[in-house]
């Protein structure tokens, strides 16, 4: 096995606990389309409207 070229152990150690915590929240019945849509929506920057 070869590591990913962009492997970063420190980043993985930072994100892994949160990812493992969220893992049970994923519905087995949820389709791939919904999973991708949800992931993309979470990655979009949140913009505030200023009045």
N, C-alpha and C. Protein backbone atom coordinates (compact mmCIF):
# COMPACT_ATOMS: atom_id res chain seq x y z
N UNK A 1 0.84 -1.19 0.00
CA UNK A 1 0.00 0.00 0.00
C UNK A 1 0.89 1.25 0.00
N UNK A 2 0.48 2.20 -0.82
CA UNK A 2 1.21 3.47 -0.89
C UNK A 2 0.34 4.57 -0.29
N UNK A 3 0.94 5.51 0.43
CA UNK A 3 0.15 6.62 0.98
C UNK A 3 -0.30 7.58 -0.13
N UNK A 4 -1.37 8.31 0.16
CA UNK A 4 -1.80 9.36 -0.77
C UNK A 4 -0.69 10.39 -0.87
N UNK A 5 -0.56 11.00 -2.04
CA UNK A 5 0.46 12.03 -2.22
C UNK A 5 0.23 13.21 -1.30
N UNK A 6 -1.04 13.47 -0.98
CA UNK A 6 -1.37 14.62 -0.14
C UNK A 6 -1.65 14.21 1.31
N UNK A 7 -1.15 13.05 1.70
CA UNK A 7 -1.39 12.57 3.06
C UNK A 7 -0.88 13.59 4.09
N UNK A 8 -1.70 13.86 5.08
CA UNK A 8 -1.32 14.80 6.12
C UNK A 8 -1.86 14.26 7.44
N UNK A 9 -1.01 13.61 8.19
CA UNK A 9 -1.40 12.95 9.43
C UNK A 9 -1.98 13.95 10.43
N UNK A 10 -1.39 15.12 10.54
CA UNK A 10 -1.88 16.11 11.49
C UNK A 10 -3.30 16.55 11.17
N UNK A 11 -3.60 16.75 9.89
CA UNK A 11 -4.95 17.14 9.50
C UNK A 11 -5.93 16.00 9.78
N UNK A 12 -5.53 14.77 9.48
CA UNK A 12 -6.39 13.63 9.74
C UNK A 12 -6.69 13.54 11.23
N UNK A 13 -5.68 13.69 12.08
CA UNK A 13 -5.89 13.62 13.53
C UNK A 13 -6.82 14.73 14.00
N UNK A 14 -6.80 15.87 13.34
CA UNK A 14 -7.68 16.97 13.69
C UNK A 14 -9.13 16.67 13.31
N UNK A 15 -9.35 16.15 12.10
CA UNK A 15 -10.70 15.94 11.59
C UNK A 15 -11.34 14.61 11.98
N UNK A 16 -10.53 13.58 12.24
CA UNK A 16 -11.06 12.24 12.48
C UNK A 16 -12.09 12.17 13.60
N UNK A 17 -11.85 12.77 14.77
CA UNK A 17 -12.86 12.65 15.84
C UNK A 17 -14.23 13.19 15.43
N UNK A 18 -14.28 14.32 14.75
CA UNK A 18 -15.55 14.88 14.31
C UNK A 18 -16.23 14.02 13.26
N UNK A 19 -15.43 13.47 12.35
CA UNK A 19 -15.98 12.60 11.32
C UNK A 19 -16.54 11.32 11.93
N UNK A 20 -15.82 10.75 12.87
CA UNK A 20 -16.31 9.53 13.53
C UNK A 20 -17.58 9.81 14.33
N UNK A 21 -17.67 11.00 14.92
CA UNK A 21 -18.86 11.37 15.68
C UNK A 21 -20.08 11.47 14.76
N UNK A 22 -19.88 11.98 13.56
CA UNK A 22 -20.99 12.17 12.61
C UNK A 22 -21.36 10.89 11.85
N UNK A 23 -20.49 9.90 11.85
CA UNK A 23 -20.71 8.67 11.09
C UNK A 23 -22.06 8.01 11.40
N UNK A 24 -22.46 7.87 12.66
CA UNK A 24 -23.76 7.24 12.95
C UNK A 24 -24.95 8.05 12.42
N UNK A 25 -24.77 9.32 12.15
CA UNK A 25 -25.86 10.16 11.67
C UNK A 25 -26.21 9.87 10.21
N UNK A 26 -25.32 9.20 9.50
CA UNK A 26 -25.55 8.91 8.08
C UNK A 26 -26.57 7.79 7.97
N UNK A 27 -27.61 8.06 7.25
CA UNK A 27 -28.66 7.07 7.04
C UNK A 27 -28.22 6.08 5.98
N UNK A 28 -28.41 4.80 6.26
CA UNK A 28 -28.06 3.76 5.31
C UNK A 28 -28.95 3.86 4.07
N UNK A 29 -30.18 4.31 4.26
CA UNK A 29 -31.14 4.40 3.17
C UNK A 29 -30.95 5.63 2.31
N UNK A 30 -30.16 6.57 2.77
CA UNK A 30 -29.93 7.79 2.01
C UNK A 30 -29.15 7.47 0.74
N UNK A 31 -29.62 7.97 -0.38
CA UNK A 31 -28.98 7.69 -1.66
C UNK A 31 -27.72 8.50 -1.87
N UNK A 32 -26.94 8.10 -2.85
CA UNK A 32 -25.69 8.78 -3.15
C UNK A 32 -25.93 10.23 -3.55
N UNK A 33 -26.98 10.49 -4.30
CA UNK A 33 -27.28 11.86 -4.73
C UNK A 33 -27.49 12.76 -3.52
N UNK A 34 -28.26 12.29 -2.55
CA UNK A 34 -28.52 13.10 -1.36
C UNK A 34 -27.25 13.30 -0.54
N UNK A 35 -26.41 12.29 -0.49
CA UNK A 35 -25.16 12.42 0.26
C UNK A 35 -24.24 13.46 -0.37
N UNK A 36 -24.11 13.39 -1.70
CA UNK A 36 -23.26 14.36 -2.39
C UNK A 36 -23.82 15.76 -2.25
N UNK A 37 -25.14 15.90 -2.44
CA UNK A 37 -25.77 17.22 -2.31
C UNK A 37 -25.51 17.79 -0.91
N UNK A 38 -25.70 16.97 0.11
CA UNK A 38 -25.48 17.43 1.49
C UNK A 38 -24.04 17.84 1.72
N UNK A 39 -23.10 17.06 1.20
CA UNK A 39 -21.69 17.39 1.37
C UNK A 39 -21.34 18.69 0.67
N UNK A 40 -21.86 18.88 -0.54
CA UNK A 40 -21.58 20.12 -1.27
C UNK A 40 -22.18 21.33 -0.57
N UNK A 41 -23.39 21.18 -0.05
CA UNK A 41 -24.02 22.29 0.66
C UNK A 41 -23.24 22.67 1.90
N UNK A 42 -22.69 21.68 2.58
CA UNK A 42 -21.88 21.97 3.77
C UNK A 42 -20.59 22.70 3.42
N UNK A 43 -20.05 22.45 2.22
CA UNK A 43 -18.79 23.06 1.83
C UNK A 43 -18.96 24.47 1.27
N UNK A 44 -20.17 24.83 0.87
CA UNK A 44 -20.39 26.17 0.33
C UNK A 44 -20.14 27.21 1.40
N UNK A 45 -19.51 28.30 1.03
CA UNK A 45 -19.30 29.36 2.03
C UNK A 45 -20.64 29.95 2.45
N UNK A 46 -20.74 30.25 3.70
CA UNK A 46 -21.96 30.85 4.24
C UNK A 46 -21.83 32.37 4.14
N UNK A 47 -22.72 32.98 3.37
CA UNK A 47 -22.67 34.43 3.19
C UNK A 47 -23.78 35.08 3.98
N UNK A 48 -23.47 36.17 4.61
CA UNK A 48 -24.47 36.93 5.35
C UNK A 48 -24.93 38.10 4.50
N UNK A 49 -26.22 38.36 4.55
CA UNK A 49 -26.74 39.52 3.84
C UNK A 49 -26.66 40.72 4.77
N UNK A 50 -26.10 41.75 4.28
CA UNK A 50 -25.98 42.98 5.07
C UNK A 50 -27.04 43.95 4.59
N UNK A 51 -27.70 44.59 5.52
CA UNK A 51 -28.73 45.57 5.17
C UNK A 51 -28.15 46.96 5.18
